[in-house]
């Protein structure tokens, strides 16, 4: 699978990524690799809109289709910055 985009994300206190799903057709799958986090914030939602919080262990990878609804909840004022790397492909 050719990687089309790779990005390193940094979320500081007050940062978040609201509940969303990525645009259809841009890419099929993405892989998220957690690099640094003091608290888990990444949540994905199943077809019944039930939330599933993912344990953000440094080095852990998570691969899923781009149509899955997901979010990263707000980083608290006393938390360290959170870092992750994302790869997407078509």
C-alpha atoms as a PDB file:
ATOM      1  CA  UNK A   1       0.000   0.000   0.000  1.00  0.00           C
ATOM      2  CA  UNK A   2       1.552   3.319  -0.941  1.00  0.00           C
ATOM      3  CA  UNK A   3       1.509   5.840   1.883  1.00  0.00           C
ATOM      4  CA  UNK A   4      -0.072   9.036   0.648  1.00  0.00           C
ATOM      5  CA  UNK A   5       0.341  11.232   3.729  1.00  0.00           C
ATOM      6  CA  UNK A   6       2.285  11.057   6.967  1.00  0.00           C
ATOM      7  CA  UNK A   7       1.878  13.647   9.693  1.00  0.00           C
ATOM      8  CA  UNK A   8       3.082  14.163  13.258  1.00  0.00           C
ATOM      9  CA  UNK A   9       0.337  15.634  15.440  1.00  0.00           C
ATOM     10  CA  UNK A  10       0.964  17.717  18.557  1.00  0.00           C
ATOM     11  CA  UNK A  11      -1.861  18.489  20.959  1.00  0.00           C
ATOM     12  CA  UNK A  12      -1.156  20.889  23.839  1.00  0.00           C
ATOM     13  CA  UNK A  13      -3.399  21.922  26.734  1.00  0.00           C
ATOM     14  CA  UNK A  14      -6.758  23.083  25.382  1.00  0.00           C
ATOM     15  CA  UNK A  15      -6.290  21.214  22.080  1.00  0.00           C
ATOM     16  CA  UNK A  16      -8.775  18.648  20.837  1.00  0.00           C
ATOM     17  CA  UNK A  17     -10.127  17.164  17.618  1.00  0.00           C
ATOM     18  CA  UNK A  18     -13.931  16.993  17.660  1.00  0.00           C
ATOM     19  CA  UNK A  19     -16.009  13.980  16.734  1.00  0.00           C
ATOM     20  CA  UNK A  20     -15.641  13.436  12.985  1.00  0.00           C
ATOM     21  CA  UNK A  21     -15.181  11.038  10.101  1.00  0.00           C
ATOM     22  CA  UNK A  22     -12.829  11.766   7.244  1.00  0.00           C
ATOM     23  CA  UNK A  23     -14.055  12.558   3.735  1.00  0.00           C
ATOM     24  CA  UNK A  24     -14.955   9.553   1.610  1.00  0.00           C
ATOM     25  CA  UNK A  25     -12.561   8.817  -1.209  1.00  0.00           C
ATOM     26  CA  UNK A  26      -9.567  10.762   0.108  1.00  0.00           C
ATOM     27  CA  UNK A  27      -8.017   7.565   1.455  1.00  0.00           C
ATOM     28  CA  UNK A  28      -9.176   4.160   2.641  1.00  0.00           C
ATOM     29  CA  UNK A  29      -7.280   3.489   5.854  1.00  0.00           C
ATOM     30  CA  UNK A  30      -5.133   5.241   8.362  1.00  0.00           C
ATOM     31  CA  UNK A  31      -2.694   4.101  10.990  1.00  0.00           C
ATOM     32  CA  UNK A  32      -2.184   6.114  14.142  1.00  0.00           C
ATOM     33  CA  UNK A  33       0.936   5.538  16.247  1.00  0.00           C
ATOM     34  CA  UNK A  34       0.967   7.019  19.734  1.00  0.00           C
ATOM     35  CA  UNK A  35       4.308   8.670  20.519  1.00  0.00           C
ATOM     36  CA  UNK A  36       3.725  10.457  23.845  1.00  0.00           C
ATOM     37  CA  UNK A  37       0.669  10.913  26.043  1.00  0.00           C
ATOM     38  CA  UNK A  38       0.077  11.227  29.784  1.00  0.00           C
ATOM     39  CA  UNK A  39      -3.641  10.401  29.501  1.00  0.00           C
ATOM     40  CA  UNK A  40      -5.731   8.632  26.849  1.00  0.00           C
ATOM     41  CA  UNK A  41      -7.901  10.902  24.692  1.00  0.00           C
ATOM     42  CA  UNK A  42      -8.450   9.007  21.408  1.00  0.00           C
ATOM     43  CA  UNK A  43     -11.975   7.576  21.151  1.00  0.00           C
ATOM     44  CA  UNK A  44     -13.636   5.789  18.240  1.00  0.00           C
ATOM     45  CA  UNK A  45     -17.360   5.082  17.875  1.00  0.00           C
ATOM     46  CA  UNK A  46     -19.008   1.864  16.697  1.00  0.00           C
ATOM     47  CA  UNK A  47     -22.065   1.680  14.398  1.00  0.00           C
ATOM     48  CA  UNK A  48     -24.375   2.208  17.407  1.00  0.00           C
ATOM     49  CA  UNK A  49     -22.436   5.352  18.431  1.00  0.00           C
ATOM     50  CA  UNK A  50     -20.918   3.648  21.491  1.00  0.00           C
ATOM     51  CA  UNK A  51     -17.557   5.218  22.453  1.00  0.00           C
ATOM     52  CA  UNK A  52     -14.367   3.134  22.736  1.00  0.00           C
ATOM     53  CA  UNK A  53     -11.454   4.862  24.485  1.00  0.00           C
ATOM     54  CA  UNK A  54      -8.076   3.624  23.238  1.00  0.00           C
ATOM     55  CA  UNK A  55      -5.191   3.250  25.695  1.00  0.00           C
ATOM     56  CA  UNK A  56      -2.464   5.521  24.316  1.00  0.00           C
ATOM     57  CA  UNK A  57       0.694   3.584  25.052  1.00  0.00           C
ATOM     58  CA  UNK A  58       3.797   5.018  23.330  1.00  0.00           C
ATOM     59  CA  UNK A  59       4.643   2.878  20.307  1.00  0.00           C
ATOM     60  CA  UNK A  60       1.166   1.364  20.060  1.00  0.00           C
ATOM     61  CA  UNK A  61      -0.314   1.417  16.580  1.00  0.00           C
ATOM     62  CA  UNK A  62      -3.971   1.532  15.645  1.00  0.00           C
ATOM     63  CA  UNK A  63      -5.182   0.897  12.096  1.00  0.00           C
ATOM     64  CA  UNK A  64      -8.752   1.543  10.960  1.00  0.00           C
ATOM     65  CA  UNK A  65     -10.859   2.487   7.948  1.00  0.00           C
ATOM     66  CA  UNK A  66     -11.186   6.228   7.328  1.00  0.00           C
ATOM     67  CA  UNK A  67     -14.997   6.146   7.671  1.00  0.00           C
ATOM     68  CA  UNK A  68     -14.881   5.297  11.417  1.00  0.00           C
ATOM     69  CA  UNK A  69     -16.156   8.184  13.574  1.00  0.00           C
ATOM     70  CA  UNK A  70     -13.536   9.286  16.091  1.00  0.00           C
ATOM     71  CA  UNK A  71     -12.287  12.147  18.263  1.00  0.00           C
ATOM     72  CA  UNK A  72      -9.502  13.242  20.590  1.00  0.00           C
ATOM     73  CA  UNK A  73     -10.901  14.840  23.715  1.00  0.00           C
ATOM     74  CA  UNK A  74      -9.490  18.059  25.144  1.00  0.00           C
ATOM     75  CA  UNK A  75      -6.017  18.023  26.658  1.00  0.00           C
ATOM     76  CA  UNK A  76      -6.260  19.306  30.237  1.00  0.00           C
ATOM     77  CA  UNK A  77      -4.435  22.418  31.504  1.00  0.00           C
ATOM     78  CA  UNK A  78      -1.992  20.365  33.603  1.00  0.00           C
ATOM     79  CA  UNK A  79      -1.250  17.678  31.009  1.00  0.00           C
ATOM     80  CA  UNK A  80       1.916  17.471  28.952  1.00  0.00           C
ATOM     81  CA  UNK A  81       1.694  17.783  25.180  1.00  0.00           C
ATOM     82  CA  UNK A  82       0.462  14.675  23.360  1.00  0.00           C
ATOM     83  CA  UNK A  83       2.176  13.475  20.151  1.00  0.00           C
ATOM     84  CA  UNK A  84       1.099  10.944  17.557  1.00  0.00           C
ATOM     85  CA  UNK A  85       2.038  10.007  14.000  1.00  0.00           C
ATOM     86  CA  UNK A  86      -0.506   9.290  11.266  1.00  0.00           C
ATOM     87  CA  UNK A  87      -0.098   7.413   8.003  1.00  0.00           C
ATOM     88  CA  UNK A  88      -2.900   7.244   5.436  1.00  0.00           C
ATOM     89  CA  UNK A  89      -3.116   5.297   2.210  1.00  0.00           C
ATOM     90  CA  UNK A  90      -5.432   4.519  -0.630  1.00  0.00           C
END
